[in-house]
């Protein structure tokens, strides 16, 4: 029987990435215009502060940035940082909104957290921030085309 050569991947000495509460930003490439950036985070995990059991959620973030945008990898690492923290659904949703607002100072931000069923109860938490004095442009209603 031939000897098989098993090649096992070794863990790196320093992991290539790690969770972090630091949100990085970059200059908005079109600050003269209101436009919406949407993020979807489908794999959020934190712990129930009472039982220690994992809670799972899907987050949707909508932002109208002003001078700064949030950098995606830092947002990913930020969401990852909650994995081993205990937090009530309402608290963690509002804290995430506060941290994004503090880092980017947007014109508008909305976060929706859709929490998986726990004890037969489905929870959705929506939190919003609106910069003082900012008003969105009225929506444009376009006529339906022939093929619509």
Protein backbone atom coordinates (compact mmCIF):
# COMPACT_ATOMS: atom_id res chain seq x y z
CA UNK A 1 0.00 0.00 0.00
CA UNK A 2 1.38 3.41 -0.95
CA UNK A 3 2.01 5.96 1.71
CA UNK A 4 -0.38 8.87 1.37
CA UNK A 5 0.94 12.32 1.85
CA UNK A 6 -1.53 14.37 3.88
CA UNK A 7 -0.93 18.08 3.68
CA UNK A 8 -2.54 19.94 6.52
CA UNK A 9 -2.83 23.69 6.34
CA UNK A 10 -1.09 25.29 9.29
CA UNK A 11 -2.67 28.15 11.14
CA UNK A 12 -0.86 31.45 10.61
CA UNK A 13 1.14 32.87 13.52
CA UNK A 14 -0.82 36.12 13.17
CA UNK A 15 -4.37 35.80 11.84
CA UNK A 16 -4.94 37.88 8.70
CA UNK A 17 -7.83 39.74 10.32
CA UNK A 18 -9.40 40.16 13.72
CA UNK A 19 -12.54 41.73 15.16
CA UNK A 20 -12.33 45.44 15.94
CA UNK A 21 -14.56 48.25 17.19
CA UNK A 22 -12.66 50.75 15.00
CA UNK A 23 -14.61 52.00 11.98
CA UNK A 24 -12.44 53.41 9.20
CA UNK A 25 -13.71 56.09 6.82
CA UNK A 26 -12.76 57.62 3.48
CA UNK A 27 -13.83 60.86 1.75
CA UNK A 28 -17.21 60.77 0.03
CA UNK A 29 -16.45 60.81 -3.72
CA UNK A 30 -19.66 62.79 -4.46
CA UNK A 31 -20.46 64.95 -1.40
CA UNK A 32 -22.44 67.43 -3.52
CA UNK A 33 -25.14 64.79 -4.13
CA UNK A 34 -27.55 62.88 -1.93
CA UNK A 35 -27.22 59.20 -2.82
CA UNK A 36 -28.00 56.09 -0.82
CA UNK A 37 -25.50 53.44 0.18
CA UNK A 38 -27.03 50.13 1.30
CA UNK A 39 -25.22 47.42 3.24
CA UNK A 40 -26.58 43.95 4.03
CA UNK A 41 -24.99 41.94 6.82
CA UNK A 42 -26.53 38.46 6.85
CA UNK A 43 -24.40 36.76 9.50
CA UNK A 44 -24.51 38.87 12.66
CA UNK A 45 -24.05 37.03 15.95
CA UNK A 46 -23.99 38.18 19.56
CA UNK A 47 -24.92 36.53 22.83
CA UNK A 48 -28.07 36.84 24.90
CA UNK A 49 -26.98 38.78 28.00
CA UNK A 50 -29.21 36.64 30.24
CA UNK A 51 -28.62 33.11 28.98
CA UNK A 52 -25.34 33.38 27.06
CA UNK A 53 -26.96 31.62 24.10
CA UNK A 54 -26.18 32.94 20.62
CA UNK A 55 -28.54 35.38 18.93
CA UNK A 56 -28.49 35.70 15.14
CA UNK A 57 -29.63 38.62 13.01
CA UNK A 58 -29.58 40.10 9.55
CA UNK A 59 -28.75 43.81 9.43
CA UNK A 60 -29.66 46.26 6.67
CA UNK A 61 -28.03 49.69 6.73
CA UNK A 62 -29.04 52.62 4.53
CA UNK A 63 -26.98 55.80 4.58
CA UNK A 64 -26.86 59.16 2.85
CA UNK A 65 -23.28 60.16 3.57
CA UNK A 66 -22.07 63.72 3.96
CA UNK A 67 -18.28 64.14 3.85
CA UNK A 68 -17.27 60.60 4.88
CA UNK A 69 -18.15 57.00 3.92
CA UNK A 70 -17.51 53.89 6.03
CA UNK A 71 -14.88 51.46 4.73
CA UNK A 72 -16.32 47.96 4.18
CA UNK A 73 -13.61 45.77 5.71
CA UNK A 74 -13.67 47.80 8.93
CA UNK A 75 -17.48 47.47 8.97
CA UNK A 76 -17.09 43.70 8.63
CA UNK A 77 -14.54 43.57 11.47
CA UNK A 78 -16.79 45.84 13.56
CA UNK A 79 -19.80 43.52 13.18
CA UNK A 80 -17.57 40.53 13.94
CA UNK A 81 -16.54 42.18 17.24
CA UNK A 82 -20.01 41.50 18.71
CA UNK A 83 -19.71 37.71 18.36
CA UNK A 84 -18.77 37.10 22.02
CA UNK A 85 -20.60 40.04 23.60
CA UNK A 86 -23.87 39.90 25.47
CA UNK A 87 -26.38 42.45 24.20
CA UNK A 88 -30.12 42.94 24.07
CA UNK A 89 -31.48 43.33 20.52
CA UNK A 90 -32.57 46.92 21.06
CA UNK A 91 -29.28 47.97 22.68
CA UNK A 92 -26.95 46.45 20.08
CA UNK A 93 -28.97 47.89 17.16
CA UNK A 94 -28.91 51.41 18.61
CA UNK A 95 -25.22 51.15 19.59
CA UNK A 96 -24.27 50.16 16.05
CA UNK A 97 -26.22 53.15 14.68
CA UNK A 98 -24.53 55.49 17.20
CA UNK A 99 -21.06 54.19 16.29
CA UNK A 100 -21.63 54.54 12.53
CA UNK A 101 -23.03 58.06 13.01
CA UNK A 102 -20.08 59.05 15.21
CA UNK A 103 -17.56 57.74 12.65
CA UNK A 104 -19.16 59.16 9.47
CA UNK A 105 -21.49 62.03 10.49
CA UNK A 106 -23.97 61.13 7.71
CA UNK A 107 -26.92 63.18 6.52
CA UNK A 108 -29.14 60.18 7.21
CA UNK A 109 -28.74 56.61 8.45
CA UNK A 110 -31.23 53.83 9.10
CA UNK A 111 -30.47 50.41 10.53
CA UNK A 112 -32.88 47.49 10.50
CA UNK A 113 -32.02 44.38 12.49
CA UNK A 114 -34.09 41.27 11.77
CA UNK A 115 -33.49 38.92 14.69
CA UNK A 116 -34.06 35.18 14.37
CA UNK A 117 -36.92 33.68 16.29
CA UNK A 118 -36.23 33.13 19.97
CA UNK A 119 -38.87 31.56 22.18
CA UNK A 120 -41.40 31.84 19.38
CA UNK A 121 -40.97 35.62 19.10
CA UNK A 122 -39.63 37.32 15.99
CA UNK A 123 -38.00 40.70 16.63
CA UNK A 124 -37.24 43.55 14.24
CA UNK A 125 -35.52 46.70 15.51
CA UNK A 126 -35.31 49.83 13.33
CA UNK A 127 -33.29 52.87 14.39
CA UNK A 128 -32.71 56.10 12.45
CA UNK A 129 -30.53 59.18 12.55
CA UNK A 130 -31.19 62.40 10.63
CA UNK A 131 -28.70 65.28 10.57
CA UNK A 132 -30.26 68.45 11.93
CA UNK A 133 -31.71 70.49 9.07
CA UNK A 134 -31.28 67.78 6.42
CA UNK A 135 -34.34 66.99 4.36
CA UNK A 136 -34.38 64.44 1.56
CA UNK A 137 -35.30 65.58 -1.93
CA UNK A 138 -38.85 64.68 -2.88
CA UNK A 139 -39.12 61.38 -4.76
CA UNK A 140 -39.33 61.55 -8.55
CA UNK A 141 -42.36 59.80 -10.04
CA UNK A 142 -41.58 58.65 -13.56
CA UNK A 143 -44.35 57.60 -15.93
CA UNK A 144 -44.60 53.92 -16.69
CA UNK A 145 -42.99 53.00 -20.00
CA UNK A 146 -44.62 50.97 -22.74
CA UNK A 147 -42.92 47.78 -21.56
CA UNK A 148 -43.61 48.28 -17.86
